[in-house]
Protein backbone atom coordinates (compact mmCIF):
# COMPACT_ATOMS: atom_id res chain seq x y z
CA UNK A 1 -64.55 71.58 57.09
CA UNK A 2 -66.08 68.19 57.82
CA UNK A 3 -64.26 65.08 56.90
CA UNK A 4 -66.88 64.44 54.13
CA UNK A 5 -66.45 68.01 52.68
CA UNK A 6 -62.66 67.36 52.76
CA UNK A 7 -62.95 64.18 50.99
CA UNK A 8 -65.29 65.67 48.36
CA UNK A 9 -62.87 68.53 47.88
CA UNK A 10 -60.04 66.12 47.24
CA UNK A 11 -62.10 64.01 44.87
CA UNK A 12 -63.24 67.11 42.90
CA UNK A 13 -59.48 68.24 42.76
CA UNK A 14 -58.42 65.02 41.52
CA UNK A 15 -61.22 65.08 38.87
CA UNK A 16 -60.36 68.51 37.71
CA UNK A 17 -56.72 67.45 37.24
CA UNK A 18 -57.71 64.30 35.43
CA UNK A 19 -59.87 66.43 32.98
CA UNK A 20 -57.14 68.90 32.30
CA UNK A 21 -58.12 71.59 34.72
CA UNK A 22 -54.81 71.55 36.34
CA UNK A 23 -54.92 75.01 38.04
CA UNK A 24 -58.43 74.34 39.40
CA UNK A 25 -57.36 71.00 40.83
CA UNK A 26 -54.28 72.51 42.40
CA UNK A 27 -56.26 75.32 43.91
CA UNK A 28 -58.64 72.90 45.49
CA UNK A 29 -55.89 70.81 46.89
CA UNK A 30 -54.31 74.08 48.36
CA UNK A 31 -57.75 74.73 50.00
CA UNK A 32 -57.80 71.35 51.39
CA UNK A 33 -54.26 71.24 52.80
CA UNK A 34 -54.82 74.74 54.35
CA UNK A 35 -58.11 73.61 55.95
CA UNK A 36 -56.82 70.28 57.06
CA UNK A 37 -53.12 70.31 57.24
CA UNK A 38 -53.25 66.96 59.12
CA UNK A 39 -54.89 65.28 56.14
CA UNK A 40 -52.52 62.62 54.73
CA UNK A 41 -54.78 62.12 51.68
CA UNK A 42 -54.78 65.91 50.73
CA UNK A 43 -50.93 66.05 50.95
CA UNK A 44 -50.51 62.96 49.03
CA UNK A 45 -52.91 63.94 46.25
CA UNK A 46 -51.11 67.34 46.08
CA UNK A 47 -47.62 65.61 45.76
CA UNK A 48 -49.11 63.26 43.00
CA UNK A 49 -50.66 66.18 40.85
CA UNK A 50 -47.35 68.22 41.26
CA UNK A 51 -45.26 65.05 40.24
CA UNK A 52 -47.46 64.55 37.28
CA UNK A 53 -47.14 68.28 36.21
CA UNK A 54 -43.17 67.86 36.75
CA UNK A 55 -43.22 70.35 39.53
CA UNK A 56 -40.79 68.43 41.51
CA UNK A 57 -40.01 70.90 44.26
CA UNK A 58 -43.69 71.26 45.18
CA UNK A 59 -44.15 67.52 44.75
CA UNK A 60 -41.43 66.87 47.21
CA UNK A 61 -42.68 69.43 49.67
CA UNK A 62 -46.14 67.99 49.66
CA UNK A 63 -44.89 64.42 49.71
CA UNK A 64 -42.61 65.43 52.73
CA UNK A 65 -45.73 66.67 54.64
CA UNK A 66 -47.70 63.46 53.97
CA UNK A 67 -44.73 61.23 54.97
CA UNK A 68 -44.55 63.16 58.19
CA UNK A 69 -48.15 62.25 58.88
CA UNK A 70 -47.77 58.57 57.84
CA UNK A 71 -44.17 57.58 57.25
CA UNK A 72 -44.92 53.76 57.02
CA UNK A 73 -47.45 54.31 54.20
CA UNK A 74 -46.68 52.18 51.20
CA UNK A 75 -47.88 54.67 48.77
CA UNK A 76 -46.15 57.86 50.03
CA UNK A 77 -42.94 56.03 50.04
CA UNK A 78 -43.53 54.97 46.59
CA UNK A 79 -44.28 58.63 45.64
CA UNK A 80 -41.14 59.88 47.39
CA UNK A 81 -39.01 57.24 45.50
CA UNK A 82 -40.43 58.23 42.13
CA UNK A 83 -39.75 62.00 42.95
CA UNK A 84 -36.16 61.44 44.20
CA UNK A 85 -35.55 59.30 41.02
CA UNK A 86 -36.74 62.08 38.80
CA UNK A 87 -34.44 64.65 40.76
CA UNK A 88 -31.53 62.27 40.06
CA UNK A 89 -30.86 61.06 43.57
CA UNK A 90 -30.66 57.42 43.21
CA UNK A 91 -29.74 56.70 46.84
CA UNK A 92 -32.71 58.51 48.16
CA UNK A 93 -35.05 56.89 45.55
CA UNK A 94 -33.73 53.51 46.68
CA UNK A 95 -34.15 54.27 50.38
CA UNK A 96 -37.93 55.18 49.86
CA UNK A 97 -38.44 52.38 47.45
CA UNK A 98 -37.04 50.09 50.19
CA UNK A 99 -39.36 51.50 52.74
CA UNK A 100 -42.23 51.02 50.36
CA UNK A 101 -41.33 47.23 50.01
CA UNK A 102 -41.13 46.95 53.75
CA UNK A 103 -44.57 48.31 54.05
CA UNK A 104 -45.75 45.98 51.48
CA UNK A 105 -44.28 43.00 53.18
CA UNK A 106 -45.85 44.15 56.65
CA UNK A 107 -49.16 44.36 55.01
CA UNK A 108 -48.87 40.91 53.46
CA UNK A 109 -47.95 39.50 56.90
CA UNK A 110 -50.86 41.29 58.66
CA UNK A 111 -53.44 40.54 55.79
CA UNK A 112 -52.33 37.30 54.28
CA UNK A 113 -55.86 36.49 52.91
CA UNK A 114 -55.92 39.77 51.08
CA UNK A 115 -52.69 38.69 49.29
CA UNK A 116 -53.54 35.01 48.72
CA UNK A 117 -54.39 35.49 45.06
CA UNK A 118 -57.66 33.56 45.26
CA UNK A 119 -55.82 30.35 46.41
CA UNK A 120 -57.29 28.96 49.54
C-alpha cells in the first residue's frame, strides 16, 4: 500500500465513522494498521474512533501503539490522557496530560511565529 493509498484509507474510515458507518470505519482502520503497522496516523485514528465508541480497551491498545511510534506527540498524549480519565485512573491521565502540555510548550518554543496570535 502506497502512502497515498494509506492516507485515503484512513480518511475514508474517518468519514465512514463520522457518518455513522462505525463498523465500516473500524474495518478500514484495521486494514490500515495491518498494512502499515508503522503508521502513527492509522493507530491514532483507530484510538480516537474506539474512544468515541466507548471501546476503551481497544482505544487504549491502539493509542499505546501510536504512542510507541511517536511518544512526544501532543495529540496522542492528549488521547491517552482522555482514555485513562475515562477508565478512572487519574494519575495516568494526569501523566499523559502533562506530557501533552510539555509537547505544546516545546512546539511553542520551536515555532514562536505560529503561536504569536497575529501579534507582530
